[in-house]
Amino acid sequence: MVTGSDLGAARHRRSRSLPTAELEAGPEEEEAELEGGGPGQDLASMDPAKRKRVLANRLSAARSKERKLRHAQELEAKAAVLAAELATQEAAAATAEQQVAALLAERAALEGHLVRLEAMVQQR
């Protein structure tokens, strides 16, 4: 039985079929590997259709990785803008709170003055 933690670990496990260096190689480097020896030597012995599919999958993975990096950078930039906006809004809120406190104090002082004036009027 597969538990939730086992499933998560399996889902995030790095593929063992392709070394990281091969994933980062561009099309020219992949073709050079096909012609020469080295890590891509097994591709040279593959069926042409399968080799084409493997190379297409590698290119697709590379494009996906680039999109993911760009998206992460965009999100980081958006987070920075939002953080700056939050700081501005927090400063404005603090200023508004100070103004409210000052107005409440002024109101209390005016109400006290009004009570004294009303008392003076009633004494006459």
N, C-alpha and C. Protein backbone atom coordinates (compact mmCIF):
# COMPACT_ATOMS: atom_id res chain seq x y z
N MET A 1 0.85 -1.18 0.00
CA MET A 1 0.00 0.00 0.00
C MET A 1 0.89 1.24 0.00
N VAL A 2 0.55 2.20 -0.82
CA VAL A 2 1.31 3.44 -0.92
C VAL A 2 0.66 4.48 -0.04
N THR A 3 1.43 5.04 0.88
CA THR A 3 0.89 6.09 1.74
C THR A 3 1.07 7.43 1.07
N GLY A 4 0.46 8.46 1.65
CA GLY A 4 0.56 9.81 1.08
C GLY A 4 1.99 10.29 1.01
N SER A 5 2.78 9.98 2.04
CA SER A 5 4.17 10.44 2.04
C SER A 5 4.99 9.69 1.00
N ASP A 6 4.67 8.39 0.79
CA ASP A 6 5.38 7.62 -0.24
C ASP A 6 5.05 8.15 -1.61
N LEU A 7 3.78 8.51 -1.81
CA LEU A 7 3.36 9.02 -3.10
C LEU A 7 4.05 10.35 -3.41
N GLY A 8 4.13 11.23 -2.40
CA GLY A 8 4.80 12.52 -2.59
C GLY A 8 6.27 12.33 -2.90
N ALA A 9 6.90 11.38 -2.23
CA ALA A 9 8.33 11.14 -2.48
C ALA A 9 8.53 10.60 -3.88
N ALA A 10 7.64 9.72 -4.31
CA ALA A 10 7.77 9.16 -5.66
C ALA A 10 7.53 10.23 -6.71
N ARG A 11 6.61 11.11 -6.45
CA ARG A 11 6.28 12.14 -7.42
C ARG A 11 7.42 13.13 -7.61
N HIS A 12 8.19 13.39 -6.56
CA HIS A 12 9.25 14.38 -6.63
C HIS A 12 10.63 13.77 -6.82
N ARG A 13 10.67 12.50 -7.04
CA ARG A 13 11.95 11.83 -7.24
C ARG A 13 12.50 12.24 -8.61
N ARG A 14 13.77 12.50 -8.67
CA ARG A 14 14.42 12.89 -9.92
C ARG A 14 14.49 11.68 -10.84
N SER A 15 14.25 11.92 -12.09
CA SER A 15 14.29 10.85 -13.08
C SER A 15 15.69 10.26 -13.16
N ARG A 16 15.77 8.94 -13.20
CA ARG A 16 17.07 8.29 -13.28
C ARG A 16 17.45 7.99 -14.72
N SER A 17 16.55 8.28 -15.66
CA SER A 17 16.82 7.92 -17.04
C SER A 17 17.75 8.91 -17.74
N LEU A 18 17.78 10.17 -17.29
CA LEU A 18 18.59 11.17 -17.96
C LEU A 18 19.45 11.92 -16.95
N PRO A 19 20.75 11.94 -17.11
CA PRO A 19 21.59 12.73 -16.22
C PRO A 19 21.28 14.21 -16.38
N THR A 20 21.50 14.99 -15.32
CA THR A 20 21.21 16.42 -15.34
C THR A 20 22.01 17.13 -16.42
N ALA A 21 23.25 16.74 -16.63
CA ALA A 21 24.08 17.39 -17.65
C ALA A 21 23.46 17.22 -19.03
N GLU A 22 22.84 16.08 -19.28
CA GLU A 22 22.22 15.87 -20.58
C GLU A 22 20.98 16.72 -20.74
N LEU A 23 20.24 16.96 -19.65
CA LEU A 23 19.06 17.79 -19.72
C LEU A 23 19.42 19.23 -20.02
N GLU A 24 20.57 19.68 -19.56
CA GLU A 24 20.97 21.06 -19.74
C GLU A 24 21.67 21.28 -21.07
N ALA A 25 21.96 20.22 -21.80
CA ALA A 25 22.65 20.36 -23.07
C ALA A 25 21.68 20.89 -24.12
N GLY A 26 22.18 21.74 -25.01
CA GLY A 26 21.37 22.26 -26.10
C GLY A 26 21.32 21.26 -27.24
N PRO A 27 20.56 21.55 -28.29
CA PRO A 27 20.41 20.62 -29.41
C PRO A 27 21.74 20.30 -30.09
N GLU A 28 22.62 21.31 -30.19
CA GLU A 28 23.90 21.06 -30.86
C GLU A 28 24.75 20.08 -30.05
N GLU A 29 24.73 20.27 -28.72
CA GLU A 29 25.51 19.37 -27.88
C GLU A 29 24.94 17.95 -27.90
N GLU A 30 23.61 17.85 -28.00
CA GLU A 30 23.00 16.53 -28.06
C GLU A 30 23.37 15.82 -29.35
N GLU A 31 23.38 16.55 -30.44
CA GLU A 31 23.77 15.95 -31.73
C GLU A 31 25.23 15.53 -31.69
N ALA A 32 26.08 16.35 -31.04
CA ALA A 32 27.49 16.00 -30.94
C ALA A 32 27.66 14.73 -30.12
N GLU A 33 26.84 14.57 -29.09
CA GLU A 33 26.91 13.35 -28.29
C GLU A 33 26.53 12.13 -29.12
N LEU A 34 25.57 12.34 -30.02
CA LEU A 34 25.14 11.22 -30.86
C LEU A 34 26.28 10.76 -31.78
N GLU A 35 27.00 11.71 -32.32
CA GLU A 35 28.06 11.36 -33.26
C GLU A 35 29.29 10.83 -32.55
N GLY A 36 29.63 11.40 -31.41
CA GLY A 36 30.81 10.96 -30.68
C GLY A 36 30.43 9.94 -29.64
N GLY A 37 31.38 9.63 -28.79
CA GLY A 37 31.09 8.68 -27.71
C GLY A 37 30.49 9.41 -26.54
N GLY A 38 30.67 8.91 -25.37
CA GLY A 38 30.24 9.58 -24.16
C GLY A 38 28.85 9.17 -23.72
N PRO A 39 28.23 10.01 -22.89
CA PRO A 39 26.96 9.66 -22.28
C PRO A 39 25.84 9.41 -23.29
N GLY A 40 25.87 10.06 -24.44
CA GLY A 40 24.81 9.89 -25.43
C GLY A 40 25.02 8.71 -26.35
N GLN A 41 25.99 7.92 -26.10
CA GLN A 41 26.32 6.81 -27.01
C GLN A 41 25.15 5.85 -27.13
N ASP A 42 24.39 5.63 -26.07
CA ASP A 42 23.26 4.72 -26.15
C ASP A 42 22.19 5.26 -27.08
N LEU A 43 22.12 6.59 -27.28
CA LEU A 43 21.15 7.16 -28.22
C LEU A 43 21.49 6.78 -29.65
N ALA A 44 22.76 6.68 -29.95
CA ALA A 44 23.16 6.35 -31.31
C ALA A 44 22.69 4.96 -31.72
N SER A 45 22.57 4.07 -30.78
CA SER A 45 22.14 2.71 -31.10
C SER A 45 20.63 2.54 -31.05
N MET A 46 19.91 3.61 -30.71
CA MET A 46 18.45 3.54 -30.59
C MET A 46 17.80 3.55 -31.96
N ASP A 47 16.58 3.08 -31.95
CA ASP A 47 15.72 3.19 -33.13
C ASP A 47 15.56 4.69 -33.43
N PRO A 48 15.64 5.10 -34.69
CA PRO A 48 15.56 6.53 -35.03
C PRO A 48 14.30 7.22 -34.49
N ALA A 49 13.18 6.55 -34.52
CA ALA A 49 11.95 7.16 -34.03
C ALA A 49 12.03 7.39 -32.51
N LYS A 50 12.57 6.40 -31.81
CA LYS A 50 12.71 6.53 -30.36
C LYS A 50 13.72 7.62 -30.02
N ARG A 51 14.83 7.67 -30.77
CA ARG A 51 15.85 8.69 -30.54
C ARG A 51 15.24 10.08 -30.75
N LYS A 52 14.44 10.22 -31.80
CA LYS A 52 13.80 11.50 -32.08
C LYS A 52 12.87 11.89 -30.93
N ARG A 53 12.12 10.91 -30.42
CA ARG A 53 11.20 11.15 -29.32
C ARG A 53 11.96 11.54 -28.04
N VAL A 54 13.07 10.83 -27.76
CA VAL A 54 13.88 11.14 -26.57
C VAL A 54 14.44 12.56 -26.66
N LEU A 55 14.97 12.90 -27.84
CA LEU A 55 15.53 14.25 -28.01
C LEU A 55 14.43 15.31 -27.89
N ALA A 56 13.27 15.03 -28.48
CA ALA A 56 12.15 15.98 -28.39
C ALA A 56 11.72 16.14 -26.93
N ASN A 57 11.71 15.04 -26.19
CA ASN A 57 11.34 15.12 -24.78
C ASN A 57 12.36 15.94 -23.99
N ARG A 58 13.63 15.77 -24.30
CA ARG A 58 14.67 16.56 -23.62
C ARG A 58 14.52 18.04 -23.91
N LEU A 59 14.26 18.36 -25.18
CA LEU A 59 14.08 19.78 -25.53
C LEU A 59 12.84 20.34 -24.85
N SER A 60 11.78 19.54 -24.80
CA SER A 60 10.56 19.98 -24.13
C SER A 60 10.82 20.21 -22.65
N ALA A 61 11.58 19.33 -22.03
CA ALA A 61 11.92 19.49 -20.62
C ALA A 61 12.75 20.75 -20.40
N ALA A 62 13.67 21.02 -21.31
CA ALA A 62 14.50 22.22 -21.18
C ALA A 62 13.64 23.48 -21.31
N ARG A 63 12.70 23.47 -22.27
CA ARG A 63 11.81 24.62 -22.43
C ARG A 63 10.93 24.79 -21.19
N SER A 64 10.46 23.68 -20.66
CA SER A 64 9.63 23.72 -19.46
C SER A 64 10.41 24.31 -18.28
N LYS A 65 11.66 23.90 -18.16
CA LYS A 65 12.50 24.42 -17.09
C LYS A 65 12.70 25.93 -17.24
N GLU A 66 12.91 26.38 -18.47
CA GLU A 66 13.07 27.82 -18.72
C GLU A 66 11.79 28.58 -18.36
N ARG A 67 10.63 28.02 -18.76
CA ARG A 67 9.37 28.67 -18.41
C ARG A 67 9.19 28.74 -16.90
N LYS A 68 9.54 27.66 -16.23
CA LYS A 68 9.41 27.62 -14.77
C LYS A 68 10.30 28.67 -14.12
N LEU A 69 11.53 28.81 -14.61
CA LEU A 69 12.45 29.82 -14.06
C LEU A 69 11.93 31.23 -14.31
N ARG A 70 11.43 31.46 -15.54
CA ARG A 70 10.88 32.79 -15.86
C ARG A 70 9.68 33.09 -14.97
N HIS A 71 8.82 32.11 -14.78
CA HIS A 71 7.64 32.30 -13.95
C HIS A 71 8.05 32.61 -12.51
N ALA A 72 9.04 31.90 -12.00
CA ALA A 72 9.52 32.15 -10.64
C ALA A 72 10.08 33.56 -10.52
N GLN A 73 10.82 34.01 -11.54
CA GLN A 73 11.37 35.37 -11.52
C GLN A 73 10.25 36.40 -11.56
N GLU A 74 9.23 36.14 -12.38
CA GLU A 74 8.10 37.07 -12.44
C GLU A 74 7.38 37.14 -11.10
N LEU A 75 7.21 35.99 -10.46
CA LEU A 75 6.55 35.98 -9.15
C LEU A 75 7.38 36.71 -8.10
N GLU A 76 8.72 36.56 -8.15
CA GLU A 76 9.58 37.26 -7.21
C GLU A 76 9.49 38.77 -7.43
N ALA A 77 9.45 39.20 -8.69
CA ALA A 77 9.33 40.63 -8.98
C ALA A 77 7.99 41.16 -8.49
N LYS A 78 6.93 40.38 -8.73
CA LYS A 78 5.61 40.79 -8.28
C LYS A 78 5.56 40.87 -6.75
N ALA A 79 6.21 39.92 -6.08
CA ALA A 79 6.25 39.92 -4.62
C ALA A 79 6.97 41.17 -4.11
N ALA A 80 8.04 41.57 -4.79
CA ALA A 80 8.78 42.77 -4.37
C ALA A 80 7.91 44.01 -4.53
N VAL A 81 7.17 44.10 -5.63
CA VAL A 81 6.27 45.24 -5.85
C VAL A 81 5.19 45.27 -4.78
N LEU A 82 4.62 44.10 -4.50
CA LEU A 82 3.56 44.04 -3.49
C LEU A 82 4.09 44.36 -2.10
N ALA A 83 5.32 43.95 -1.80
CA ALA A 83 5.91 44.27 -0.51
C ALA A 83 6.11 45.78 -0.36
N ALA A 84 6.55 46.43 -1.44
CA ALA A 84 6.72 47.88 -1.40
C ALA A 84 5.36 48.57 -1.24
N GLU A 85 4.35 48.07 -1.95
CA GLU A 85 3.01 48.65 -1.82
C GLU A 85 2.47 48.45 -0.42
N LEU A 86 2.73 47.28 0.16
CA LEU A 86 2.29 47.02 1.53
C LEU A 86 2.94 47.99 2.51
N ALA A 87 4.23 48.24 2.33
CA ALA A 87 4.92 49.18 3.22
C ALA A 87 4.31 50.58 3.10
N THR A 88 3.98 50.99 1.88
CA THR A 88 3.36 52.29 1.66
C THR A 88 1.99 52.35 2.34
N GLN A 89 1.20 51.29 2.17
CA GLN A 89 -0.13 51.25 2.77
C GLN A 89 -0.06 51.21 4.30
N GLU A 90 0.91 50.49 4.83
CA GLU A 90 1.07 50.45 6.29
C GLU A 90 1.43 51.82 6.83
N ALA A 91 2.29 52.55 6.12
CA ALA A 91 2.66 53.90 6.55
C ALA A 91 1.44 54.82 6.50
N ALA A 92 0.64 54.69 5.43
CA ALA A 92 -0.57 55.51 5.33
C ALA A 92 -1.56 55.17 6.45
N ALA A 93 -1.67 53.89 6.77
CA ALA A 93 -2.57 53.48 7.85
C ALA A 93 -2.10 54.03 9.19
N ALA A 94 -0.80 54.02 9.43
CA ALA A 94 -0.26 54.56 10.67
C ALA A 94 -0.53 56.06 10.77
N THR A 95 -0.38 56.78 9.66
CA THR A 95 -0.67 58.21 9.64
C THR A 95 -2.15 58.45 9.92
N ALA A 96 -3.01 57.65 9.30
CA ALA A 96 -4.45 57.80 9.51
C ALA A 96 -4.81 57.52 10.97
N GLU A 97 -4.19 56.52 11.58
CA GLU A 97 -4.45 56.22 12.99
C GLU A 97 -4.03 57.39 13.88
N GLN A 98 -2.91 58.03 13.56
CA GLN A 98 -2.47 59.18 14.34
C GLN A 98 -3.47 60.33 14.19
N GLN A 99 -3.97 60.52 12.97
CA GLN A 99 -4.95 61.59 12.74
C GLN A 99 -6.24 61.31 13.50
N VAL A 100 -6.67 60.05 13.52
CA VAL A 100 -7.88 59.68 14.25
C VAL A 100 -7.67 59.95 15.74
N ALA A 101 -6.52 59.57 16.27
CA ALA A 101 -6.23 59.79 17.69
C ALA A 101 -6.25 61.29 18.00
N ALA A 102 -5.65 62.09 17.12
CA ALA A 102 -5.63 63.54 17.34
C ALA A 102 -7.04 64.13 17.28
N LEU A 103 -7.85 63.66 16.33
CA LEU A 103 -9.22 64.16 16.23
C LEU A 103 -10.07 63.75 17.43
N LEU A 104 -9.86 62.53 17.92
CA LEU A 104 -10.60 62.09 19.11
C LEU A 104 -10.21 62.94 20.33
N ALA A 105 -8.95 63.26 20.44
CA ALA A 105 -8.50 64.10 21.55
C ALA A 105 -9.10 65.50 21.42
N GLU A 106 -9.13 66.03 20.20
CA GLU A 106 -9.71 67.36 19.97
C GLU A 106 -11.20 67.34 20.29
N ARG A 107 -11.88 66.26 19.89
CA ARG A 107 -13.31 66.13 20.16
C ARG A 107 -13.56 66.12 21.67
N ALA A 108 -12.76 65.34 22.38
CA ALA A 108 -12.93 65.27 23.84
C ALA A 108 -12.72 66.65 24.47
N ALA A 109 -11.71 67.37 23.97
CA ALA A 109 -11.45 68.72 24.51
C ALA A 109 -12.62 69.65 24.21
N LEU A 110 -13.18 69.57 22.99
CA LEU A 110 -14.31 70.44 22.61
C LEU A 110 -15.56 70.08 23.41
N GLU A 111 -15.77 68.77 23.64
CA GLU A 111 -16.94 68.37 24.44
C GLU A 111 -16.80 68.90 25.87
N GLY A 112 -15.58 68.84 26.41
CA GLY A 112 -15.34 69.38 27.75
C GLY A 112 -15.59 70.88 27.79
N HIS A 113 -15.15 71.57 26.76
CA HIS A 113 -15.37 73.01 26.68
C HIS A 113 -16.86 73.32 26.55
N LEU A 114 -17.58 72.51 25.79
CA LEU A 114 -19.02 72.70 25.62
C LEU A 114 -19.74 72.51 26.95
N VAL A 115 -19.35 71.52 27.71
CA VAL A 115 -19.97 71.28 29.02
C VAL A 115 -19.76 72.49 29.92
N ARG A 116 -18.55 73.06 29.92
CA ARG A 116 -18.27 74.23 30.74
C ARG A 116 -19.09 75.43 30.29
N LEU A 117 -19.24 75.62 28.97
CA LEU A 117 -20.04 76.74 28.45
C LEU A 117 -21.51 76.58 28.81
N GLU A 118 -22.03 75.35 28.70
CA GLU A 118 -23.43 75.11 29.05
C GLU A 118 -23.67 75.39 30.55
N ALA A 119 -22.69 75.00 31.35
CA ALA A 119 -22.81 75.26 32.79
C ALA A 119 -22.82 76.76 33.07
N MET A 120 -22.00 77.51 32.35
CA MET A 120 -21.97 78.96 32.53
C MET A 120 -23.29 79.58 32.12
N VAL A 121 -23.90 79.09 31.05
CA VAL A 121 -25.16 79.63 30.57
C VAL A 121 -26.27 79.36 31.59
N GLN A 122 -26.29 78.19 32.18
CA GLN A 122 -27.32 77.84 33.13
C GLN A 122 -27.16 78.62 34.44
N GLN A 123 -25.97 79.06 34.77
CA GLN A 123 -25.74 79.83 35.99
C GLN A 123 -26.29 81.23 35.86
N ARG A 124 -26.46 81.75 34.73
CA ARG A 124 -26.91 83.14 34.56
C ARG A 124 -28.35 83.26 34.77
